[in-house]
Amino acid sequence: WSVLLTTPLMAGIQIVSAYDDGETLNVLVSSSFDAVHDVALIDVQGKILATQFSQKINTGITHLRMAKGTLAMGMYVVRLSNSEQVLTRKVQLH
């Protein structure tokens, strides 16, 4: 008997993790190439609350940080976007 296991190729860019450390929203992005994306924090109604423009995403893992300011506890969406793609991930702020 032989078993062939395949793993999907994770090429491109993906949001690996988004979490709240108490004062800062942290976003970990994995990429197989260098790119530039805008990073936005969006509430559940779709309103953009904060944007960091032209954030460099390096090959490998990039750690992006965004100050929470006075945002209320709750569910939000982190969006990475450029002219070629849009990535989103839900994040719970405490």
N, C-alpha and C. Protein backbone atom coordinates (compact mmCIF):
# COMPACT_ATOMS: atom_id res chain seq x y z
N TRP A 1 0.84 -1.18 0.00
CA TRP A 1 0.00 0.00 0.00
C TRP A 1 0.88 1.24 0.00
N SER A 2 0.42 2.23 -0.72
CA SER A 2 1.11 3.51 -0.65
C SER A 2 0.06 4.60 -0.60
N VAL A 3 0.36 5.62 0.12
CA VAL A 3 -0.56 6.75 0.27
C VAL A 3 0.15 8.00 -0.22
N LEU A 4 -0.51 8.73 -1.07
CA LEU A 4 0.04 9.98 -1.57
C LEU A 4 -0.72 11.11 -0.90
N LEU A 5 -0.02 11.90 -0.13
CA LEU A 5 -0.62 13.05 0.52
C LEU A 5 -0.19 14.30 -0.21
N THR A 6 -1.13 15.13 -0.53
CA THR A 6 -0.79 16.39 -1.19
C THR A 6 -1.27 17.55 -0.34
N THR A 7 -0.50 18.58 -0.36
CA THR A 7 -0.83 19.81 0.35
C THR A 7 -1.01 20.91 -0.67
N PRO A 8 -2.11 21.66 -0.60
CA PRO A 8 -2.28 22.73 -1.57
C PRO A 8 -1.15 23.75 -1.47
N LEU A 9 -0.73 24.25 -2.60
CA LEU A 9 0.33 25.25 -2.65
C LEU A 9 -0.19 26.57 -2.10
N MET A 10 0.50 27.14 -1.16
CA MET A 10 0.08 28.39 -0.53
C MET A 10 0.83 29.56 -1.14
N ALA A 11 0.75 29.70 -2.44
CA ALA A 11 1.42 30.81 -3.11
C ALA A 11 0.56 32.05 -3.00
N GLY A 12 1.18 33.20 -3.08
CA GLY A 12 0.44 34.45 -3.02
C GLY A 12 0.49 35.06 -1.65
N ILE A 13 -0.58 35.77 -1.32
CA ILE A 13 -0.67 36.47 -0.04
C ILE A 13 -1.90 36.00 0.70
N GLN A 14 -1.75 35.80 2.01
CA GLN A 14 -2.90 35.47 2.84
C GLN A 14 -2.73 36.07 4.23
N ILE A 15 -3.85 36.42 4.85
CA ILE A 15 -3.84 36.89 6.23
C ILE A 15 -3.83 35.65 7.11
N VAL A 16 -2.74 35.46 7.81
CA VAL A 16 -2.56 34.28 8.65
C VAL A 16 -3.32 34.44 9.96
N SER A 17 -3.25 35.64 10.54
CA SER A 17 -3.84 35.87 11.85
C SER A 17 -4.13 37.36 12.01
N ALA A 18 -5.20 37.66 12.75
CA ALA A 18 -5.50 39.03 13.15
C ALA A 18 -5.98 38.96 14.59
N TYR A 19 -5.34 39.73 15.48
CA TYR A 19 -5.69 39.64 16.90
C TYR A 19 -5.46 40.97 17.61
N ASP A 20 -6.12 41.11 18.73
CA ASP A 20 -6.07 42.29 19.58
C ASP A 20 -5.18 41.96 20.78
N ASP A 21 -4.14 42.76 21.01
CA ASP A 21 -3.27 42.51 22.17
C ASP A 21 -3.60 43.44 23.34
N GLY A 22 -4.72 44.13 23.26
CA GLY A 22 -5.12 45.04 24.33
C GLY A 22 -5.05 46.50 23.90
N GLU A 23 -3.99 46.88 23.21
CA GLU A 23 -3.83 48.26 22.74
C GLU A 23 -3.71 48.37 21.23
N THR A 24 -3.32 47.27 20.59
CA THR A 24 -3.00 47.30 19.17
C THR A 24 -3.68 46.15 18.44
N LEU A 25 -4.13 46.40 17.24
CA LEU A 25 -4.59 45.35 16.35
C LEU A 25 -3.37 44.84 15.59
N ASN A 26 -3.13 43.55 15.66
CA ASN A 26 -1.98 42.92 15.00
C ASN A 26 -2.47 42.06 13.86
N VAL A 27 -1.82 42.18 12.70
CA VAL A 27 -2.19 41.39 11.54
C VAL A 27 -0.93 40.73 11.00
N LEU A 28 -0.94 39.40 10.92
CA LEU A 28 0.18 38.65 10.36
C LEU A 28 -0.18 38.22 8.95
N VAL A 29 0.69 38.58 8.02
CA VAL A 29 0.44 38.31 6.60
C VAL A 29 1.57 37.44 6.06
N SER A 30 1.21 36.37 5.37
CA SER A 30 2.18 35.50 4.72
C SER A 30 2.16 35.80 3.23
N SER A 31 3.34 35.92 2.63
CA SER A 31 3.41 36.24 1.21
C SER A 31 4.57 35.50 0.54
N SER A 32 4.34 35.10 -0.70
CA SER A 32 5.40 34.46 -1.47
C SER A 32 6.13 35.46 -2.36
N PHE A 33 5.77 36.75 -2.23
CA PHE A 33 6.44 37.81 -2.99
C PHE A 33 6.22 39.15 -2.28
N ASP A 34 7.03 40.14 -2.61
CA ASP A 34 6.88 41.48 -2.05
C ASP A 34 5.69 42.17 -2.73
N ALA A 35 4.93 42.93 -1.96
CA ALA A 35 3.77 43.64 -2.49
C ALA A 35 3.46 44.84 -1.61
N VAL A 36 2.59 45.70 -2.07
CA VAL A 36 2.12 46.85 -1.31
C VAL A 36 0.60 46.79 -1.25
N HIS A 37 0.05 46.91 -0.05
CA HIS A 37 -1.40 46.87 0.15
C HIS A 37 -1.83 48.01 1.08
N ASP A 38 -3.05 48.46 0.91
CA ASP A 38 -3.69 49.33 1.89
C ASP A 38 -4.34 48.42 2.92
N VAL A 39 -4.28 48.80 4.19
CA VAL A 39 -4.87 48.03 5.28
C VAL A 39 -5.99 48.87 5.89
N ALA A 40 -7.19 48.30 5.96
CA ALA A 40 -8.33 49.03 6.51
C ALA A 40 -8.99 48.21 7.61
N LEU A 41 -9.53 48.91 8.60
CA LEU A 41 -10.33 48.31 9.65
C LEU A 41 -11.77 48.75 9.42
N ILE A 42 -12.68 47.78 9.31
CA ILE A 42 -14.06 48.04 8.92
C ILE A 42 -14.99 47.49 9.99
N ASP A 43 -16.05 48.25 10.32
CA ASP A 43 -17.02 47.76 11.31
C ASP A 43 -18.04 46.84 10.62
N VAL A 44 -18.96 46.27 11.43
CA VAL A 44 -19.91 45.29 10.88
C VAL A 44 -20.91 45.90 9.90
N GLN A 45 -21.08 47.23 9.92
CA GLN A 45 -21.95 47.89 8.95
C GLN A 45 -21.23 48.23 7.65
N GLY A 46 -19.92 47.95 7.59
CA GLY A 46 -19.15 48.22 6.38
C GLY A 46 -18.47 49.58 6.35
N LYS A 47 -18.52 50.31 7.46
CA LYS A 47 -17.89 51.62 7.54
C LYS A 47 -16.39 51.47 7.79
N ILE A 48 -15.58 52.14 6.98
CA ILE A 48 -14.13 52.12 7.17
C ILE A 48 -13.78 53.05 8.32
N LEU A 49 -13.17 52.49 9.37
CA LEU A 49 -12.86 53.25 10.58
C LEU A 49 -11.42 53.76 10.59
N ALA A 50 -10.53 53.04 9.95
CA ALA A 50 -9.11 53.43 9.91
C ALA A 50 -8.47 52.80 8.69
N THR A 51 -7.52 53.52 8.10
CA THR A 51 -6.80 52.99 6.94
C THR A 51 -5.33 53.36 7.05
N GLN A 52 -4.49 52.41 6.75
CA GLN A 52 -3.05 52.65 6.61
C GLN A 52 -2.72 52.36 5.15
N PHE A 53 -2.32 53.39 4.43
CA PHE A 53 -2.07 53.27 3.01
C PHE A 53 -0.66 52.75 2.72
N SER A 54 -0.53 52.04 1.62
CA SER A 54 0.77 51.62 1.05
C SER A 54 1.67 50.91 2.06
N GLN A 55 1.13 49.87 2.68
CA GLN A 55 1.91 49.07 3.62
C GLN A 55 2.68 48.00 2.85
N LYS A 56 3.98 47.93 3.08
CA LYS A 56 4.83 46.96 2.37
C LYS A 56 4.66 45.58 2.99
N ILE A 57 4.31 44.61 2.15
CA ILE A 57 4.21 43.22 2.56
C ILE A 57 5.43 42.52 1.97
N ASN A 58 6.30 42.01 2.83
CA ASN A 58 7.53 41.37 2.37
C ASN A 58 7.33 39.87 2.15
N THR A 59 8.21 39.27 1.38
CA THR A 59 8.20 37.83 1.21
C THR A 59 8.40 37.19 2.59
N GLY A 60 7.61 36.17 2.90
CA GLY A 60 7.65 35.55 4.22
C GLY A 60 6.49 36.05 5.06
N ILE A 61 6.76 36.33 6.33
CA ILE A 61 5.73 36.81 7.25
C ILE A 61 5.97 38.29 7.56
N THR A 62 4.92 39.09 7.40
CA THR A 62 4.97 40.51 7.75
C THR A 62 3.99 40.75 8.89
N HIS A 63 4.44 41.47 9.92
CA HIS A 63 3.62 41.81 11.08
C HIS A 63 3.20 43.27 10.96
N LEU A 64 1.91 43.50 10.73
CA LEU A 64 1.37 44.85 10.64
C LEU A 64 0.67 45.19 11.94
N ARG A 65 0.77 46.46 12.37
CA ARG A 65 0.16 46.90 13.62
C ARG A 65 -0.69 48.15 13.34
N MET A 66 -1.85 48.21 13.99
CA MET A 66 -2.73 49.36 13.85
C MET A 66 -3.26 49.71 15.24
N ALA A 67 -3.10 50.97 15.65
CA ALA A 67 -3.60 51.40 16.96
C ALA A 67 -5.12 51.29 16.99
N LYS A 68 -5.66 50.79 18.10
CA LYS A 68 -7.11 50.65 18.24
C LYS A 68 -7.78 51.97 18.61
N GLY A 69 -7.05 52.84 19.25
CA GLY A 69 -7.66 54.10 19.68
C GLY A 69 -8.79 53.85 20.66
N THR A 70 -9.93 54.45 20.39
CA THR A 70 -11.08 54.34 21.29
C THR A 70 -12.17 53.43 20.71
N LEU A 71 -11.81 52.50 19.88
CA LEU A 71 -12.80 51.61 19.28
C LEU A 71 -13.48 50.75 20.34
N ALA A 72 -14.77 50.54 20.17
CA ALA A 72 -15.55 49.72 21.09
C ALA A 72 -15.22 48.25 20.90
N MET A 73 -15.48 47.46 21.93
CA MET A 73 -15.33 46.01 21.82
C MET A 73 -16.30 45.51 20.75
N GLY A 74 -15.90 44.46 20.04
CA GLY A 74 -16.81 43.88 19.06
C GLY A 74 -16.07 43.27 17.89
N MET A 75 -16.86 42.84 16.91
CA MET A 75 -16.33 42.19 15.72
C MET A 75 -16.07 43.23 14.65
N TYR A 76 -14.91 43.12 14.01
CA TYR A 76 -14.51 44.02 12.93
C TYR A 76 -13.93 43.17 11.79
N VAL A 77 -13.65 43.81 10.67
CA VAL A 77 -13.01 43.14 9.54
C VAL A 77 -11.74 43.90 9.19
N VAL A 78 -10.66 43.15 9.00
CA VAL A 78 -9.41 43.72 8.48
C VAL A 78 -9.41 43.45 6.98
N ARG A 79 -9.13 44.49 6.19
CA ARG A 79 -9.09 44.33 4.73
C ARG A 79 -7.73 44.77 4.21
N LEU A 80 -7.06 43.90 3.46
CA LEU A 80 -5.85 44.24 2.72
C LEU A 80 -6.26 44.34 1.26
N SER A 81 -5.90 45.44 0.59
CA SER A 81 -6.31 45.57 -0.80
C SER A 81 -5.27 46.34 -1.61
N ASN A 82 -5.21 46.00 -2.87
CA ASN A 82 -4.45 46.76 -3.86
C ASN A 82 -5.19 46.62 -5.18
N SER A 83 -4.58 47.03 -6.27
CA SER A 83 -5.27 47.00 -7.56
C SER A 83 -5.49 45.58 -8.08
N GLU A 84 -4.85 44.59 -7.47
CA GLU A 84 -4.95 43.22 -7.96
C GLU A 84 -5.78 42.29 -7.09
N GLN A 85 -5.95 42.61 -5.80
CA GLN A 85 -6.67 41.68 -4.93
C GLN A 85 -7.18 42.36 -3.67
N VAL A 86 -8.15 41.69 -3.05
CA VAL A 86 -8.69 42.13 -1.77
C VAL A 86 -8.74 40.89 -0.87
N LEU A 87 -8.17 41.03 0.34
CA LEU A 87 -8.20 39.96 1.33
C LEU A 87 -8.88 40.49 2.57
N THR A 88 -9.68 39.67 3.24
CA THR A 88 -10.35 40.09 4.47
C THR A 88 -10.23 39.00 5.53
N ARG A 89 -10.34 39.46 6.77
CA ARG A 89 -10.34 38.54 7.91
C ARG A 89 -11.08 39.20 9.06
N LYS A 90 -11.94 38.45 9.73
CA LYS A 90 -12.65 38.96 10.90
C LYS A 90 -11.70 39.00 12.09
N VAL A 91 -11.92 39.97 12.97
CA VAL A 91 -11.12 40.07 14.19
C VAL A 91 -12.02 40.60 15.31
N GLN A 92 -11.86 40.02 16.49
CA GLN A 92 -12.60 40.44 17.68
C GLN A 92 -11.73 41.40 18.48
N LEU A 93 -12.22 42.62 18.71
CA LEU A 93 -11.49 43.57 19.56
C LEU A 93 -12.05 43.51 20.96
N HIS A 94 -11.16 43.55 21.96
CA HIS A 94 -11.56 43.46 23.38
C HIS A 94 -11.62 44.84 23.99
